[in-house]
Amino acid sequence: MRVLIVDDHPMYREGLVAALSGQPGVTVVGEAGDGAAAVELAVRRAPDIVLMDLHMPVMNGVEATGRLLSERPDIAIVVLTMLESDDSLAAAVRAGARGYLLKGAGRAEILRALETCMEGGAYFGPNAARALAGLVGSEPRRTVANPVLPELTEREVEILDLMARGLSNAAIASRLYVSDKTVRNYVSAVYGKLGVNDRAAAVARARDAGLGSGLPGGR
């Protein structure tokens, strides 16, 4: 099992390397301290699986997961993070992560998650599994199938909905675990596809389509 370890805390990252390197059948092929470095290193080192933190500088783990899987969809990604929120779990799963563990997990559980995900399965720690069950049972998000705005992708509809709820670009980036620049790019794409020139006009179109009915910051 070829593993790439990604975490922005050097001591924690070194501890993971030490804990996993001595395990039979496990080879740590590299380590990275941010998401951008992780994507570059994964393409070069071709790991079977990536152990990915979420909150990191330069590029966070959710965005790195999405970019990495677009380059190498055969790599399995297991998130190992301190973030317990439903939003972080949902964002990681949407990006393509096969596993989600909190940093309190022991070595045995981390190995179990890595083995399960490398074999094509999914592994979620107890708290994450309960949260995921709640997310699956909740009302589904609006998707690209919205007949009023068929020109927008699912992600663009999601961002437009948040704009219509009154969230700023920075707040949207924080909620979706992407960079401010990524949100600006999506907003520009939305303007172009809707044929509008500013946020107010885009929000007006969104509300005409039934978006933005939730409270700011709500689900």
N, C-alpha and C. Protein backbone atom coordinates (compact mmCIF):
# COMPACT_ATOMS: atom_id res chain seq x y z
N MET A 1 0.85 -1.18 0.00
CA MET A 1 0.00 0.00 0.00
C MET A 1 0.89 1.25 0.00
N ARG A 2 0.85 2.02 -1.07
CA ARG A 2 1.66 3.23 -1.19
C ARG A 2 0.84 4.42 -0.70
N VAL A 3 1.32 5.08 0.35
CA VAL A 3 0.55 6.12 1.03
C VAL A 3 1.26 7.47 0.94
N LEU A 4 0.48 8.51 0.62
CA LEU A 4 0.96 9.88 0.68
C LEU A 4 0.26 10.56 1.86
N ILE A 5 1.04 11.22 2.72
CA ILE A 5 0.49 11.86 3.92
C ILE A 5 0.50 13.37 3.74
N VAL A 6 -0.67 14.00 3.97
CA VAL A 6 -0.82 15.43 3.75
C VAL A 6 -1.36 16.10 5.01
N ASP A 7 -0.57 16.95 5.62
CA ASP A 7 -0.98 17.67 6.83
C ASP A 7 -0.07 18.87 7.00
N ASP A 8 -0.61 20.00 7.43
CA ASP A 8 0.21 21.20 7.54
C ASP A 8 0.95 21.33 8.86
N HIS A 9 0.74 20.41 9.80
CA HIS A 9 1.47 20.44 11.06
C HIS A 9 2.63 19.44 10.99
N PRO A 10 3.87 19.93 10.90
CA PRO A 10 5.02 19.04 10.69
C PRO A 10 5.15 17.92 11.72
N MET A 11 4.93 18.23 12.99
CA MET A 11 5.11 17.20 14.02
C MET A 11 4.05 16.12 13.90
N TYR A 12 2.81 16.51 13.62
CA TYR A 12 1.75 15.51 13.46
C TYR A 12 2.02 14.67 12.21
N ARG A 13 2.45 15.34 11.15
CA ARG A 13 2.75 14.63 9.90
C ARG A 13 3.88 13.63 10.11
N GLU A 14 4.93 14.07 10.82
CA GLU A 14 6.05 13.16 11.10
C GLU A 14 5.61 11.98 11.96
N GLY A 15 4.69 12.24 12.89
CA GLY A 15 4.18 11.15 13.71
C GLY A 15 3.42 10.12 12.89
N LEU A 16 2.65 10.58 11.91
CA LEU A 16 1.93 9.66 11.03
C LEU A 16 2.91 8.84 10.18
N VAL A 17 3.93 9.52 9.67
CA VAL A 17 4.94 8.81 8.87
C VAL A 17 5.57 7.70 9.71
N ALA A 18 5.95 8.04 10.94
CA ALA A 18 6.59 7.05 11.81
C ALA A 18 5.64 5.90 12.14
N ALA A 19 4.38 6.24 12.40
CA ALA A 19 3.40 5.22 12.78
C ALA A 19 3.09 4.25 11.65
N LEU A 20 3.06 4.76 10.42
CA LEU A 20 2.66 3.92 9.29
C LEU A 20 3.84 3.22 8.61
N SER A 21 5.00 3.85 8.64
CA SER A 21 6.15 3.30 7.91
C SER A 21 6.56 1.92 8.41
N GLY A 22 6.36 1.66 9.69
CA GLY A 22 6.79 0.38 10.23
C GLY A 22 5.77 -0.73 10.07
N GLN A 23 4.65 -0.46 9.42
CA GLN A 23 3.61 -1.46 9.27
C GLN A 23 3.86 -2.35 8.05
N PRO A 24 3.67 -3.65 8.18
CA PRO A 24 3.88 -4.56 7.05
C PRO A 24 2.99 -4.18 5.86
N GLY A 25 3.58 -4.13 4.70
CA GLY A 25 2.81 -3.87 3.49
C GLY A 25 2.51 -2.40 3.24
N VAL A 26 3.04 -1.49 4.09
CA VAL A 26 2.78 -0.06 3.93
C VAL A 26 4.07 0.66 3.57
N THR A 27 4.03 1.47 2.51
CA THR A 27 5.17 2.30 2.13
C THR A 27 4.70 3.74 2.03
N VAL A 28 5.28 4.62 2.83
CA VAL A 28 4.97 6.05 2.73
C VAL A 28 5.82 6.63 1.61
N VAL A 29 5.16 7.06 0.53
CA VAL A 29 5.89 7.50 -0.66
C VAL A 29 6.17 9.00 -0.66
N GLY A 30 5.60 9.72 0.32
CA GLY A 30 5.86 11.15 0.38
C GLY A 30 4.97 11.82 1.40
N GLU A 31 5.26 13.09 1.66
CA GLU A 31 4.46 13.89 2.58
C GLU A 31 4.41 15.31 2.07
N ALA A 32 3.29 15.99 2.33
CA ALA A 32 3.10 17.37 1.86
C ALA A 32 2.43 18.18 2.95
N GLY A 33 2.69 19.49 2.95
CA GLY A 33 2.15 20.37 3.98
C GLY A 33 1.01 21.25 3.52
N ASP A 34 0.59 21.15 2.26
CA ASP A 34 -0.56 21.89 1.78
C ASP A 34 -1.17 21.16 0.59
N GLY A 35 -2.38 21.56 0.23
CA GLY A 35 -3.10 20.85 -0.81
C GLY A 35 -2.46 20.93 -2.18
N ALA A 36 -1.91 22.09 -2.53
CA ALA A 36 -1.29 22.24 -3.85
C ALA A 36 -0.08 21.32 -3.99
N ALA A 37 0.74 21.28 -2.94
CA ALA A 37 1.91 20.39 -2.97
C ALA A 37 1.47 18.93 -3.03
N ALA A 38 0.34 18.63 -2.37
CA ALA A 38 -0.17 17.25 -2.36
C ALA A 38 -0.56 16.80 -3.76
N VAL A 39 -1.25 17.67 -4.49
CA VAL A 39 -1.68 17.31 -5.85
C VAL A 39 -0.46 17.06 -6.73
N GLU A 40 0.51 17.98 -6.66
CA GLU A 40 1.72 17.84 -7.49
C GLU A 40 2.48 16.56 -7.14
N LEU A 41 2.63 16.29 -5.83
CA LEU A 41 3.38 15.12 -5.39
C LEU A 41 2.67 13.82 -5.74
N ALA A 42 1.35 13.82 -5.61
CA ALA A 42 0.58 12.61 -5.91
C ALA A 42 0.68 12.24 -7.39
N VAL A 43 0.67 13.24 -8.26
CA VAL A 43 0.79 12.97 -9.69
C VAL A 43 2.16 12.34 -9.99
N ARG A 44 3.20 12.82 -9.28
CA ARG A 44 4.55 12.30 -9.53
C ARG A 44 4.82 10.96 -8.86
N ARG A 45 4.33 10.78 -7.63
CA ARG A 45 4.66 9.58 -6.86
C ARG A 45 3.66 8.45 -7.01
N ALA A 46 2.49 8.74 -7.55
CA ALA A 46 1.46 7.72 -7.81
C ALA A 46 1.16 6.85 -6.59
N PRO A 47 0.69 7.43 -5.48
CA PRO A 47 0.30 6.61 -4.33
C PRO A 47 -0.99 5.85 -4.62
N ASP A 48 -1.23 4.80 -3.84
CA ASP A 48 -2.52 4.11 -3.92
C ASP A 48 -3.58 4.90 -3.17
N ILE A 49 -3.14 5.59 -2.11
CA ILE A 49 -4.07 6.25 -1.22
C ILE A 49 -3.42 7.48 -0.61
N VAL A 50 -4.23 8.49 -0.35
CA VAL A 50 -3.76 9.74 0.26
C VAL A 50 -4.50 9.95 1.58
N LEU A 51 -3.73 10.22 2.62
CA LEU A 51 -4.29 10.57 3.93
C LEU A 51 -4.28 12.09 3.99
N MET A 52 -5.45 12.71 3.94
CA MET A 52 -5.58 14.15 3.65
C MET A 52 -6.19 14.94 4.81
N ASP A 53 -5.47 15.97 5.27
CA ASP A 53 -6.04 16.94 6.21
C ASP A 53 -6.95 17.88 5.41
N LEU A 54 -7.84 18.61 6.10
CA LEU A 54 -8.73 19.54 5.40
C LEU A 54 -8.26 20.99 5.51
N HIS A 55 -7.98 21.43 6.73
CA HIS A 55 -7.65 22.85 6.94
C HIS A 55 -6.15 23.05 6.75
N MET A 56 -5.78 23.59 5.58
CA MET A 56 -4.37 23.78 5.24
C MET A 56 -4.20 25.07 4.45
N PRO A 57 -2.99 25.65 4.45
CA PRO A 57 -2.74 26.85 3.66
C PRO A 57 -2.63 26.53 2.17
N VAL A 58 -2.60 27.58 1.37
CA VAL A 58 -2.42 27.52 -0.09
C VAL A 58 -3.64 26.89 -0.78
N MET A 59 -3.93 25.64 -0.47
CA MET A 59 -5.11 24.96 -0.99
C MET A 59 -5.60 23.99 0.07
N ASN A 60 -6.89 24.08 0.42
CA ASN A 60 -7.39 23.20 1.48
C ASN A 60 -7.62 21.78 0.97
N GLY A 61 -7.91 20.87 1.88
CA GLY A 61 -8.00 19.46 1.53
C GLY A 61 -9.17 19.10 0.64
N VAL A 62 -10.28 19.82 0.76
CA VAL A 62 -11.43 19.53 -0.09
C VAL A 62 -11.12 19.88 -1.54
N GLU A 63 -10.56 21.06 -1.74
CA GLU A 63 -10.21 21.46 -3.11
C GLU A 63 -9.12 20.56 -3.67
N ALA A 64 -8.15 20.22 -2.83
CA ALA A 64 -7.07 19.34 -3.28
C ALA A 64 -7.62 17.97 -3.66
N THR A 65 -8.59 17.47 -2.90
CA THR A 65 -9.20 16.18 -3.21
C THR A 65 -9.86 16.21 -4.59
N GLY A 66 -10.63 17.26 -4.86
CA GLY A 66 -11.28 17.37 -6.15
C GLY A 66 -10.30 17.47 -7.30
N ARG A 67 -9.26 18.27 -7.12
CA ARG A 67 -8.26 18.44 -8.19
C ARG A 67 -7.46 17.16 -8.41
N LEU A 68 -7.10 16.53 -7.32
CA LEU A 68 -6.32 15.30 -7.43
C LEU A 68 -7.10 14.21 -8.15
N LEU A 69 -8.36 14.05 -7.80
CA LEU A 69 -9.17 13.00 -8.43
C LEU A 69 -9.47 13.31 -9.89
N SER A 70 -9.46 14.58 -10.25
CA SER A 70 -9.64 14.90 -11.67
C SER A 70 -8.41 14.49 -12.48
N GLU A 71 -7.24 14.49 -11.81
CA GLU A 71 -5.99 14.07 -12.46
C GLU A 71 -5.78 12.56 -12.37
N ARG A 72 -6.08 12.00 -11.18
CA ARG A 72 -5.83 10.59 -10.91
C ARG A 72 -7.02 9.97 -10.20
N PRO A 73 -8.09 9.66 -10.91
CA PRO A 73 -9.30 9.13 -10.27
C PRO A 73 -9.12 7.76 -9.63
N ASP A 74 -7.99 7.11 -9.90
CA ASP A 74 -7.74 5.78 -9.32
C ASP A 74 -7.23 5.86 -7.89
N ILE A 75 -6.82 7.04 -7.43
CA ILE A 75 -6.28 7.18 -6.08
C ILE A 75 -7.43 7.30 -5.08
N ALA A 76 -7.32 6.58 -3.97
CA ALA A 76 -8.31 6.68 -2.89
C ALA A 76 -7.87 7.75 -1.90
N ILE A 77 -8.82 8.52 -1.40
CA ILE A 77 -8.50 9.59 -0.45
C ILE A 77 -9.26 9.39 0.84
N VAL A 78 -8.53 9.38 1.95
CA VAL A 78 -9.11 9.29 3.28
C VAL A 78 -8.80 10.59 4.01
N VAL A 79 -9.82 11.28 4.47
CA VAL A 79 -9.64 12.53 5.21
C VAL A 79 -9.33 12.21 6.67
N LEU A 80 -8.33 12.90 7.21
CA LEU A 80 -7.99 12.79 8.63
C LEU A 80 -7.89 14.21 9.14
N THR A 81 -8.86 14.64 9.96
CA THR A 81 -8.99 16.05 10.29
C THR A 81 -9.50 16.25 11.71
N MET A 82 -9.39 17.49 12.17
CA MET A 82 -9.99 17.88 13.44
C MET A 82 -11.40 18.41 13.25
N LEU A 83 -11.80 18.66 12.01
CA LEU A 83 -13.10 19.28 11.72
C LEU A 83 -14.23 18.26 11.84
N GLU A 84 -15.17 18.52 12.75
CA GLU A 84 -16.26 17.59 13.00
C GLU A 84 -17.58 18.01 12.37
N SER A 85 -17.64 19.17 11.73
CA SER A 85 -18.91 19.70 11.26
C SER A 85 -19.49 18.87 10.11
N ASP A 86 -20.82 18.88 10.02
CA ASP A 86 -21.49 18.20 8.91
C ASP A 86 -21.08 18.80 7.57
N ASP A 87 -20.87 20.12 7.55
CA ASP A 87 -20.50 20.78 6.30
C ASP A 87 -19.15 20.28 5.78
N SER A 88 -18.18 20.11 6.70
CA SER A 88 -16.86 19.64 6.26
C SER A 88 -16.94 18.20 5.76
N LEU A 89 -17.73 17.37 6.43
CA LEU A 89 -17.93 15.99 5.99
C LEU A 89 -18.60 15.96 4.62
N ALA A 90 -19.68 16.72 4.46
CA ALA A 90 -20.40 16.73 3.19
C ALA A 90 -19.51 17.23 2.06
N ALA A 91 -18.71 18.27 2.33
CA ALA A 91 -17.83 18.82 1.31
C ALA A 91 -16.78 17.79 0.88
N ALA A 92 -16.23 17.08 1.86
CA ALA A 92 -15.21 16.07 1.55
C ALA A 92 -15.81 14.93 0.72
N VAL A 93 -16.99 14.48 1.09
CA VAL A 93 -17.64 13.39 0.36
C VAL A 93 -17.99 13.83 -1.06
N ARG A 94 -18.50 15.05 -1.20
CA ARG A 94 -18.82 15.56 -2.55
C ARG A 94 -17.58 15.66 -3.40
N ALA A 95 -16.45 15.99 -2.78
CA ALA A 95 -15.20 16.10 -3.54
C ALA A 95 -14.66 14.75 -3.96
N GLY A 96 -15.13 13.67 -3.32
CA GLY A 96 -14.71 12.34 -3.72
C GLY A 96 -13.97 11.52 -2.68
N ALA A 97 -13.86 12.03 -1.45
CA ALA A 97 -13.18 11.26 -0.40
C ALA A 97 -13.94 9.97 -0.10
N ARG A 98 -13.20 8.89 0.07
CA ARG A 98 -13.82 7.59 0.38
C ARG A 98 -13.87 7.32 1.88
N GLY A 99 -13.11 8.09 2.65
CA GLY A 99 -13.09 7.87 4.08
C GLY A 99 -12.97 9.18 4.83
N TYR A 100 -13.39 9.16 6.12
CA TYR A 100 -13.35 10.38 6.93
C TYR A 100 -13.13 9.98 8.37
N LEU A 101 -12.00 10.42 8.93
CA LEU A 101 -11.65 10.12 10.32
C LEU A 101 -11.29 11.40 11.04
N LEU A 102 -11.53 11.43 12.35
CA LEU A 102 -11.07 12.53 13.17
C LEU A 102 -9.67 12.21 13.69
N LYS A 103 -8.92 13.24 14.04
CA LYS A 103 -7.53 13.04 14.42
C LYS A 103 -7.35 12.30 15.74
N GLY A 104 -8.42 12.04 16.45
CA GLY A 104 -8.32 11.21 17.64
C GLY A 104 -8.24 9.72 17.32
N ALA A 105 -8.39 9.36 16.05
CA ALA A 105 -8.35 7.94 15.65
C ALA A 105 -6.97 7.35 15.93
N GLY A 106 -6.96 6.11 16.39
CA GLY A 106 -5.70 5.42 16.65
C GLY A 106 -5.11 4.81 15.39
N ARG A 107 -3.90 4.30 15.51
CA ARG A 107 -3.20 3.73 14.36
C ARG A 107 -3.98 2.57 13.75
N ALA A 108 -4.57 1.71 14.60
CA ALA A 108 -5.30 0.54 14.09
C ALA A 108 -6.48 0.97 13.23
N GLU A 109 -7.20 2.01 13.69
CA GLU A 109 -8.36 2.46 12.91
C GLU A 109 -7.92 3.13 11.62
N ILE A 110 -6.84 3.91 11.67
CA ILE A 110 -6.34 4.54 10.45
C ILE A 110 -5.94 3.48 9.43
N LEU A 111 -5.25 2.45 9.87
CA LEU A 111 -4.86 1.37 8.96
C LEU A 111 -6.09 0.66 8.39
N ARG A 112 -7.10 0.44 9.24
CA ARG A 112 -8.33 -0.21 8.78
C ARG A 112 -8.99 0.63 7.69
N ALA A 113 -9.02 1.96 7.91
CA ALA A 113 -9.62 2.85 6.92
C ALA A 113 -8.85 2.83 5.61
N LEU A 114 -7.52 2.87 5.70
CA LEU A 114 -6.69 2.85 4.50
C LEU A 114 -6.89 1.56 3.71
N GLU A 115 -6.89 0.43 4.40
CA GLU A 115 -7.06 -0.86 3.73
C GLU A 115 -8.43 -0.97 3.07
N THR A 116 -9.47 -0.53 3.80
CA THR A 116 -10.84 -0.62 3.28
C THR A 116 -11.00 0.23 2.03
N CYS A 117 -10.50 1.46 2.09
CA CYS A 117 -10.67 2.38 0.95
C CYS A 117 -9.81 1.99 -0.23
N MET A 118 -8.63 1.45 0.03
CA MET A 118 -7.77 1.01 -1.08
C MET A 118 -8.40 -0.15 -1.84
N GLU A 119 -9.19 -0.96 -1.13
CA GLU A 119 -9.85 -2.09 -1.77
C GLU A 119 -11.16 -1.70 -2.44
N GLY A 120 -11.46 -0.40 -2.45
CA GLY A 120 -12.65 0.06 -3.15
C GLY A 120 -13.84 0.35 -2.26
N GLY A 121 -13.68 0.14 -0.94
CA GLY A 121 -14.77 0.40 -0.02
C GLY A 121 -14.75 1.83 0.49
N ALA A 122 -15.57 2.09 1.50
CA ALA A 122 -15.61 3.41 2.14
C ALA A 122 -15.53 3.19 3.64
N TYR A 123 -14.90 4.14 4.32
CA TYR A 123 -14.74 4.00 5.77
C TYR A 123 -14.97 5.36 6.44
N PHE A 124 -15.90 5.38 7.39
CA PHE A 124 -16.18 6.60 8.13
C PHE A 124 -16.16 6.27 9.61
N GLY A 125 -15.42 7.08 10.38
CA GLY A 125 -15.37 6.90 11.82
C GLY A 125 -16.77 6.99 12.41
N PRO A 126 -16.96 6.54 13.66
CA PRO A 126 -18.30 6.48 14.26
C PRO A 126 -19.06 7.80 14.19
N ASN A 127 -18.43 8.91 14.58
CA ASN A 127 -19.12 10.20 14.54
C ASN A 127 -19.45 10.61 13.12
N ALA A 128 -18.51 10.38 12.21
CA ALA A 128 -18.73 10.73 10.81
C ALA A 128 -19.83 9.87 10.21
N ALA A 129 -19.89 8.61 10.58
CA ALA A 129 -20.92 7.71 10.03
C ALA A 129 -22.31 8.17 10.45
N ARG A 130 -22.44 8.58 11.72
CA ARG A 130 -23.75 9.07 12.18
C ARG A 130 -24.13 10.35 11.47
N ALA A 131 -23.16 11.25 11.31
CA ALA A 131 -23.45 12.51 10.63
C ALA A 131 -23.81 12.27 9.17
N LEU A 132 -23.11 11.33 8.53
CA LEU A 132 -23.38 11.03 7.13
C LEU A 132 -24.78 10.45 6.95
N ALA A 133 -25.19 9.60 7.89
CA ALA A 133 -26.54 9.03 7.84
C ALA A 133 -27.58 10.14 7.91
N GLY A 134 -27.32 11.15 8.74
CA GLY A 134 -28.24 12.27 8.85
C GLY A 134 -28.28 13.08 7.58
N LEU A 135 -27.12 13.26 6.94
CA LEU A 135 -27.08 14.02 5.70
C LEU A 135 -27.82 13.30 4.58
N VAL A 136 -27.63 11.99 4.52
CA VAL A 136 -28.30 11.21 3.48
C VAL A 136 -29.80 11.24 3.66
N GLY A 137 -30.25 11.27 4.92
CA GLY A 137 -31.68 11.28 5.19
C GLY A 137 -32.32 12.64 5.09
N SER A 138 -31.52 13.70 5.00
CA SER A 138 -32.07 15.04 4.96
C SER A 138 -32.51 15.39 3.54
N GLU A 139 -33.15 16.53 3.41
CA GLU A 139 -33.62 16.98 2.09
C GLU A 139 -32.46 17.16 1.14
N PRO A 140 -32.50 16.59 -0.05
CA PRO A 140 -31.38 16.71 -0.98
C PRO A 140 -31.16 18.14 -1.44
N ARG A 141 -29.90 18.42 -1.80
CA ARG A 141 -29.57 19.73 -2.32
C ARG A 141 -30.16 19.92 -3.72
N ARG A 142 -30.41 21.16 -4.06
CA ARG A 142 -30.86 21.48 -5.41
C ARG A 142 -29.76 21.12 -6.39
N THR A 143 -30.08 20.56 -7.51
CA THR A 143 -29.07 20.12 -8.46
C THR A 143 -29.24 20.82 -9.80
N VAL A 144 -28.35 20.45 -10.72
CA VAL A 144 -28.36 21.05 -12.04
C VAL A 144 -29.67 20.76 -12.79
N ALA A 145 -30.46 19.82 -12.30
CA ALA A 145 -31.71 19.48 -12.96
C ALA A 145 -32.76 20.58 -12.83
N ASN A 146 -32.48 21.64 -12.07
CA ASN A 146 -33.39 22.76 -11.94
C ASN A 146 -33.81 23.23 -13.34
N PRO A 147 -35.09 23.10 -13.69
CA PRO A 147 -35.50 23.40 -15.06
C PRO A 147 -35.46 24.88 -15.39
N VAL A 148 -35.43 25.74 -14.36
CA VAL A 148 -35.46 27.18 -14.62
C VAL A 148 -34.08 27.70 -15.03
N LEU A 149 -33.02 27.05 -14.53
CA LEU A 149 -31.65 27.49 -14.84
C LEU A 149 -30.84 26.32 -15.41
N PRO A 150 -31.28 25.73 -16.50
CA PRO A 150 -30.58 24.56 -17.05
C PRO A 150 -29.19 24.86 -17.57
N GLU A 151 -28.90 26.17 -17.78
CA GLU A 151 -27.59 26.52 -18.31
C GLU A 151 -26.49 26.44 -17.26
N LEU A 152 -26.85 26.34 -15.98
CA LEU A 152 -25.86 26.31 -14.91
C LEU A 152 -25.56 24.88 -14.48
N THR A 153 -24.31 24.66 -14.06
CA THR A 153 -23.94 23.36 -13.49
C THR A 153 -24.48 23.26 -12.06
N GLU A 154 -24.41 22.06 -11.50
CA GLU A 154 -24.88 21.86 -10.12
C GLU A 154 -24.13 22.78 -9.15
N ARG A 155 -22.81 22.89 -9.30
CA ARG A 155 -22.02 23.73 -8.41
C ARG A 155 -22.38 25.20 -8.58
N GLU A 156 -22.62 25.63 -9.81
CA GLU A 156 -22.99 27.02 -10.06
C GLU A 156 -24.34 27.35 -9.44
N VAL A 157 -25.28 26.41 -9.53
CA VAL A 157 -26.59 26.61 -8.89
C VAL A 157 -26.42 26.72 -7.38
N GLU A 158 -25.57 25.85 -6.81
CA GLU A 158 -25.33 25.87 -5.37
C GLU A 158 -24.77 27.22 -4.94
N ILE A 159 -23.80 27.74 -5.69
CA ILE A 159 -23.19 29.02 -5.34
C ILE A 159 -24.17 30.17 -5.54
N LEU A 160 -24.95 30.12 -6.61
CA LEU A 160 -25.95 31.16 -6.84
C LEU A 160 -26.99 31.16 -5.72
N ASP A 161 -27.37 29.99 -5.26
CA ASP A 161 -28.32 29.87 -4.16
C ASP A 161 -27.76 30.56 -2.90
N LEU A 162 -26.49 30.33 -2.62
CA LEU A 162 -25.86 30.95 -1.44
C LEU A 162 -25.74 32.46 -1.62
N MET A 163 -25.46 32.90 -2.83
CA MET A 163 -25.44 34.34 -3.10
C MET A 163 -26.81 34.95 -2.82
N ALA A 164 -27.86 34.25 -3.25
CA ALA A 164 -29.22 34.76 -3.06
C ALA A 164 -29.63 34.76 -1.59
N ARG A 165 -28.96 33.94 -0.79
CA ARG A 165 -29.23 33.94 0.65
C ARG A 165 -28.49 35.06 1.37
N GLY A 166 -27.65 35.79 0.63
CA GLY A 166 -26.97 36.93 1.20
C GLY A 166 -25.54 36.68 1.62
N LEU A 167 -24.99 35.51 1.28
CA LEU A 167 -23.61 35.21 1.67
C LEU A 167 -22.62 35.90 0.75
N SER A 168 -21.54 36.42 1.32
CA SER A 168 -20.47 37.02 0.54
C SER A 168 -19.62 35.92 -0.09
N ASN A 169 -18.73 36.30 -1.00
CA ASN A 169 -17.83 35.32 -1.60
C ASN A 169 -16.98 34.62 -0.55
N ALA A 170 -16.49 35.39 0.43
CA ALA A 170 -15.66 34.81 1.49
C ALA A 170 -16.46 33.81 2.32
N ALA A 171 -17.71 34.14 2.61
CA ALA A 171 -18.55 33.23 3.39
C ALA A 171 -18.87 31.96 2.60
N ILE A 172 -19.10 32.11 1.30
CA ILE A 172 -19.35 30.94 0.45
C ILE A 172 -18.12 30.05 0.40
N ALA A 173 -16.94 30.65 0.26
CA ALA A 173 -15.69 29.88 0.22
C ALA A 173 -15.51 29.09 1.51
N SER A 174 -15.80 29.74 2.64
CA SER A 174 -15.66 29.07 3.94
C SER A 174 -16.65 27.92 4.07
N ARG A 175 -17.86 28.14 3.62
CA ARG A 175 -18.91 27.12 3.75
C ARG A 175 -18.62 25.90 2.88
N LEU A 176 -18.09 26.13 1.67
CA LEU A 176 -17.86 25.05 0.72
C LEU A 176 -16.43 24.50 0.77
N TYR A 177 -15.59 25.10 1.62
CA TYR A 177 -14.20 24.65 1.77
C TYR A 177 -13.44 24.73 0.45
N VAL A 178 -13.58 25.88 -0.21
CA VAL A 178 -12.80 26.17 -1.41
C VAL A 178 -12.16 27.54 -1.23
N SER A 179 -11.28 27.93 -2.13
CA SER A 179 -10.62 29.22 -2.01
C SER A 179 -11.53 30.35 -2.49
N ASP A 180 -11.21 31.58 -2.03
CA ASP A 180 -11.96 32.75 -2.50
C ASP A 180 -11.86 32.88 -4.02
N LYS A 181 -10.67 32.58 -4.56
CA LYS A 181 -10.48 32.68 -6.01
C LYS A 181 -11.40 31.71 -6.75
N THR A 182 -11.57 30.51 -6.22
CA THR A 182 -12.46 29.53 -6.85
C THR A 182 -13.89 30.05 -6.89
N VAL A 183 -14.34 30.64 -5.78
CA VAL A 183 -15.70 31.20 -5.74
C VAL A 183 -15.82 32.34 -6.75
N ARG A 184 -14.83 33.22 -6.81
CA ARG A 184 -14.89 34.32 -7.79
C ARG A 184 -14.99 33.80 -9.21
N ASN A 185 -14.28 32.73 -9.50
CA ASN A 185 -14.35 32.14 -10.84
C ASN A 185 -15.75 31.61 -11.14
N TYR A 186 -16.34 30.95 -10.15
CA TYR A 186 -17.71 30.44 -10.34
C TYR A 186 -18.70 31.59 -10.52
N VAL A 187 -18.55 32.64 -9.71
CA VAL A 187 -19.46 33.79 -9.80
C VAL A 187 -19.36 34.43 -11.19
N SER A 188 -18.15 34.56 -11.69
CA SER A 188 -17.96 35.12 -13.04
C SER A 188 -18.63 34.25 -14.09
N ALA A 189 -18.51 32.92 -13.92
CA ALA A 189 -19.15 32.00 -14.87
C ALA A 189 -20.67 32.13 -14.81
N VAL A 190 -21.20 32.29 -13.60
CA VAL A 190 -22.65 32.45 -13.43
C VAL A 190 -23.11 33.73 -14.13
N TYR A 191 -22.38 34.84 -13.94
CA TYR A 191 -22.73 36.09 -14.60
C TYR A 191 -22.79 35.90 -16.12
N GLY A 192 -21.76 35.26 -16.66
CA GLY A 192 -21.70 35.06 -18.10
C GLY A 192 -22.85 34.22 -18.63
N LYS A 193 -23.14 33.12 -17.94
CA LYS A 193 -24.19 32.23 -18.41
C LYS A 193 -25.59 32.83 -18.27
N LEU A 194 -25.77 33.67 -17.23
CA LEU A 194 -27.08 34.30 -17.03
C LEU A 194 -27.22 35.60 -17.82
N GLY A 195 -26.10 36.08 -18.38
CA GLY A 195 -26.15 37.32 -19.14
C GLY A 195 -26.37 38.55 -18.27
N VAL A 196 -25.79 38.54 -17.07
CA VAL A 196 -25.94 39.68 -16.15
C VAL A 196 -24.56 40.28 -15.89
N ASN A 197 -24.57 41.50 -15.34
CA ASN A 197 -23.31 42.21 -15.14
C ASN A 197 -22.92 42.40 -13.68
N ASP A 198 -23.84 42.12 -12.76
CA ASP A 198 -23.50 42.35 -11.36
C ASP A 198 -24.25 41.37 -10.45
N ARG A 199 -23.89 41.42 -9.18
CA ARG A 199 -24.44 40.48 -8.20
C ARG A 199 -25.95 40.67 -8.00
N ALA A 200 -26.37 41.93 -7.97
CA ALA A 200 -27.79 42.20 -7.76
C ALA A 200 -28.65 41.56 -8.84
N ALA A 201 -28.20 41.68 -10.08
CA ALA A 201 -28.97 41.09 -11.19
C ALA A 201 -28.96 39.57 -11.11
N ALA A 202 -27.82 39.00 -10.73
CA ALA A 202 -27.74 37.54 -10.58
C ALA A 202 -28.67 37.06 -9.48
N VAL A 203 -28.68 37.77 -8.35
CA VAL A 203 -29.54 37.40 -7.23
C VAL A 203 -31.01 37.51 -7.63
N ALA A 204 -31.36 38.56 -8.41
CA ALA A 204 -32.74 38.70 -8.88
C ALA A 204 -33.16 37.51 -9.72
N ARG A 205 -32.26 37.06 -10.62
CA ARG A 205 -32.56 35.87 -11.43
C ARG A 205 -32.70 34.63 -10.55
N ALA A 206 -31.85 34.54 -9.54
CA ALA A 206 -31.89 33.38 -8.63
C ALA A 206 -33.23 33.32 -7.91
N ARG A 207 -33.69 34.46 -7.42
CA ARG A 207 -34.95 34.48 -6.67
C ARG A 207 -36.14 34.21 -7.57
N ASP A 208 -36.05 34.67 -8.81
CA ASP A 208 -37.11 34.34 -9.77
C ASP A 208 -37.19 32.83 -9.99
N ALA A 209 -36.02 32.16 -9.85
CA ALA A 209 -35.97 30.71 -10.06
C ALA A 209 -36.27 29.92 -8.80
N GLY A 210 -36.58 30.63 -7.72
CA GLY A 210 -36.91 29.94 -6.47
C GLY A 210 -35.73 29.64 -5.58
N LEU A 211 -34.57 30.21 -5.88
CA LEU A 211 -33.39 29.99 -5.05
C LEU A 211 -33.34 31.03 -3.94
N GLY A 212 -32.47 30.79 -2.96
CA GLY A 212 -32.25 31.76 -1.91
C GLY A 212 -33.33 31.86 -0.86
N SER A 213 -34.13 30.79 -0.74
CA SER A 213 -35.24 30.85 0.21
C SER A 213 -34.81 30.55 1.64
N GLY A 214 -33.58 29.93 1.82
CA GLY A 214 -33.11 29.63 3.17
C GLY A 214 -32.56 30.88 3.83
N LEU A 215 -32.35 30.78 5.14
CA LEU A 215 -31.77 31.88 5.88
C LEU A 215 -30.27 31.95 5.62
N PRO A 216 -29.65 33.13 5.71
CA PRO A 216 -28.21 33.23 5.53
C PRO A 216 -27.49 32.29 6.46
N GLY A 217 -26.57 31.49 5.86
CA GLY A 217 -25.79 30.57 6.68
C GLY A 217 -26.52 29.31 7.03
N GLY A 218 -27.83 29.20 6.68
CA GLY A 218 -28.58 28.00 7.03
C GLY A 218 -28.36 26.90 6.04
N ARG A 219 -28.97 25.72 6.35
CA ARG A 219 -28.82 24.59 5.44
C ARG A 219 -29.85 24.70 4.33
